[in-house]
Amino acid sequence: MTTKPKKPKAPKSDSIFRQFFIDDDGGNKLQVKQNDKLMILTLLLLGDKPRRVGVVTKSTRTIEMKRKNSVHLFRKISMRGGFGFCLYVLKEQTSIDWVRLSDDEGNHWKIPVKFILDNGQILFFKQQNFEKQIFVTLEELEQFLVKPEENRRLDF
């Protein structure tokens, strides 16, 4: 008599998935995937592919964001340009105090969320189905630049 080998059970997932509407039309959503240490935030914009907002480390209350200057630097906001942040994420959340931003030119910033909310300029590119964003100029971000010798993170 032969017995069938038992299939190994899939490991139990500790992740929780949630989605929130981030606009009045209900077209754009924020997806949150989290476990006990991290939260991965992804924008699901109407008719567009998912866009990663960042990863939140719960213990440090910090969201890690990466930007490509050729794509994300908004040049009309100042002489040097500036970066935009999802207003809904920064305004409505209760678990993020810091934004750790890096670009593809090797720059790193550690910015208080309160600074962005108090000093940023809100813009809404509704025709492109983007969410409301809050922009901060590179000139304003200069004070939060992390010097290489102060950057203790190995992989940014």
Protein backbone atom coordinates (compact mmCIF):
# COMPACT_ATOMS: atom_id res chain seq x y z
CA MET A 1 0.00 0.00 0.00
CA THR A 2 1.49 3.32 -1.05
CA THR A 3 0.63 6.56 0.57
CA LYS A 4 0.68 9.87 -1.13
CA PRO A 5 3.31 12.21 0.21
CA LYS A 6 1.75 15.14 1.99
CA LYS A 7 2.12 18.51 0.38
CA PRO A 8 4.10 20.91 2.50
CA LYS A 9 1.90 23.63 3.89
CA ALA A 10 2.59 27.13 2.75
CA PRO A 11 4.13 29.24 5.47
CA LYS A 12 1.63 31.35 7.32
CA SER A 13 1.80 34.93 6.14
CA ASP A 14 2.19 37.54 8.85
CA SER A 15 1.47 40.31 6.36
CA ILE A 16 -1.68 42.40 6.44
CA PHE A 17 -3.04 44.05 3.29
CA ARG A 18 -5.27 47.13 3.33
CA GLN A 19 -6.44 49.70 0.79
CA PHE A 20 -7.68 53.25 1.29
CA PHE A 21 -9.30 55.71 -1.13
CA ILE A 22 -7.16 58.85 -1.30
CA ASP A 23 -9.40 61.14 -3.33
CA ASP A 24 -13.00 62.24 -3.53
CA ASP A 25 -13.61 60.41 -6.81
CA GLY A 26 -12.55 57.08 -5.34
CA GLY A 27 -10.30 56.35 -8.29
CA ASN A 28 -6.93 56.49 -6.57
CA LYS A 29 -6.04 54.18 -3.70
CA LEU A 30 -3.21 53.61 -1.28
CA GLN A 31 -2.27 49.99 -0.68
CA VAL A 32 -0.57 49.11 2.60
CA LYS A 33 1.20 45.79 3.08
CA GLN A 34 2.63 45.41 6.55
CA ASN A 35 4.10 43.06 9.07
CA ASP A 36 5.32 43.75 12.59
CA LYS A 37 8.44 45.63 11.36
CA LEU A 38 7.72 47.22 7.97
CA MET A 39 4.95 48.83 5.93
CA ILE A 40 5.16 48.95 2.14
CA LEU A 41 3.09 51.80 0.69
CA THR A 42 1.99 51.63 -2.95
CA LEU A 43 -0.20 54.04 -4.91
CA LEU A 44 -2.81 52.50 -7.18
CA LEU A 45 -3.64 55.37 -9.50
CA LEU A 46 -6.67 55.12 -11.74
CA GLY A 47 -5.69 53.57 -15.07
CA ASP A 48 -1.99 53.51 -14.22
CA LYS A 49 0.47 50.93 -13.00
CA PRO A 50 1.14 50.70 -9.25
CA ARG A 51 3.75 53.16 -7.96
CA ARG A 52 5.80 52.46 -4.86
CA VAL A 53 5.62 55.34 -2.38
CA GLY A 54 8.14 53.95 0.07
CA VAL A 55 8.87 51.55 2.89
CA VAL A 56 8.19 52.52 6.49
CA THR A 57 10.38 51.13 9.26
CA LYS A 58 8.05 51.07 12.24
CA SER A 59 10.76 51.14 14.92
CA THR A 60 12.29 54.40 13.60
CA ARG A 61 9.01 55.87 12.28
CA THR A 62 10.86 56.59 9.00
CA ILE A 63 9.75 56.15 5.40
CA GLU A 64 12.47 55.39 2.83
CA MET A 65 11.91 56.96 -0.60
CA LYS A 66 14.06 56.83 -3.72
CA ARG A 67 13.87 59.24 -6.64
CA LYS A 68 15.28 59.42 -10.16
CA ASN A 69 16.01 63.06 -10.89
CA SER A 70 15.21 62.73 -14.59
CA VAL A 71 11.69 61.55 -13.73
CA HIS A 72 10.82 62.99 -10.31
CA LEU A 73 12.54 66.37 -10.10
CA PHE A 74 9.88 69.04 -10.71
CA ARG A 75 11.79 71.92 -12.22
CA LYS A 76 9.01 74.53 -12.33
CA ILE A 77 8.88 74.92 -8.55
CA SER A 78 12.26 76.66 -8.16
CA MET A 79 15.54 77.38 -9.92
CA ARG A 80 16.99 73.98 -8.95
CA GLY A 81 13.68 72.12 -8.78
CA GLY A 82 12.09 70.11 -6.02
CA PHE A 83 10.58 66.78 -5.09
CA GLY A 84 6.96 65.90 -4.50
CA PHE A 85 5.51 63.70 -1.79
CA CYS A 86 2.08 62.09 -1.58
CA LEU A 87 0.09 64.53 0.56
CA TYR A 88 -2.34 61.86 1.76
CA VAL A 89 0.44 59.66 3.12
CA LEU A 90 2.19 62.44 5.02
CA LYS A 91 -0.94 64.20 6.27
CA GLU A 92 -3.22 61.31 7.20
CA GLN A 93 -0.74 58.84 8.65
CA THR A 94 0.15 58.51 12.31
CA SER A 95 3.22 56.30 12.09
CA ILE A 96 5.76 58.39 10.14
CA ASP A 97 7.89 61.19 11.61
CA TRP A 98 10.79 61.20 9.13
CA VAL A 99 11.31 60.92 5.37
CA ARG A 100 14.62 59.41 4.33
CA LEU A 101 14.99 60.49 0.71
CA SER A 102 17.71 59.48 -1.73
CA ASP A 103 18.22 60.29 -5.39
CA ASP A 104 20.16 58.67 -8.21
CA GLU A 105 22.94 61.27 -7.91
CA GLY A 106 24.00 60.00 -4.49
CA ASN A 107 22.25 62.63 -2.39
CA HIS A 108 20.56 61.65 0.87
CA TRP A 109 18.21 63.67 3.04
CA LYS A 110 16.54 63.04 6.39
CA ILE A 111 13.52 65.35 6.52
CA PRO A 112 10.97 65.79 9.30
CA VAL A 113 7.44 65.18 8.02
CA LYS A 114 6.31 68.29 9.91
CA PHE A 115 8.73 70.42 7.85
CA ILE A 116 7.28 69.13 4.57
CA LEU A 117 3.70 69.74 5.72
CA ASP A 118 4.49 73.23 7.10
CA ASN A 119 6.65 74.44 4.18
CA GLY A 120 5.62 72.48 1.11
CA GLN A 121 3.55 73.69 -1.81
CA ILE A 122 0.49 71.57 -2.67
CA LEU A 123 -0.06 70.82 -6.36
CA PHE A 124 -2.68 68.60 -7.98
CA PHE A 125 -2.13 67.18 -11.46
CA LYS A 126 -5.68 65.88 -11.86
CA GLN A 127 -5.53 65.56 -15.67
CA GLN A 128 -2.70 63.03 -15.30
CA ASN A 129 -4.74 61.14 -12.63
CA PHE A 130 -2.05 61.87 -10.04
CA GLU A 131 -2.81 62.26 -6.37
CA LYS A 132 -2.41 65.56 -4.53
CA GLN A 133 1.27 66.14 -3.92
CA ILE A 134 3.22 68.45 -1.67
CA PHE A 135 6.46 69.79 -3.12
CA VAL A 136 9.59 70.99 -1.35
CA THR A 137 12.38 72.75 -3.24
CA LEU A 138 15.96 71.51 -3.27
CA GLU A 139 16.94 74.81 -1.68
CA GLU A 140 14.66 74.04 1.29
CA LEU A 141 15.92 70.46 1.49
CA GLU A 142 19.56 71.61 1.64
CA GLN A 143 19.45 71.88 5.45
CA PHE A 144 18.48 68.19 5.73
CA LEU A 145 21.23 66.85 3.47
CA VAL A 146 23.05 63.95 5.13
CA LYS A 147 26.79 64.18 4.59
CA PRO A 148 28.55 60.94 3.56
CA GLU A 149 30.47 60.74 6.83
CA GLU A 150 27.19 61.02 8.77
CA ASN A 151 25.40 58.41 6.68
CA ARG A 152 25.58 55.20 8.67
CA ARG A 153 23.42 53.24 6.27
CA LEU A 154 25.36 50.89 4.00
CA ASP A 155 22.75 50.46 1.28
CA PHE A 156 20.62 53.46 0.55
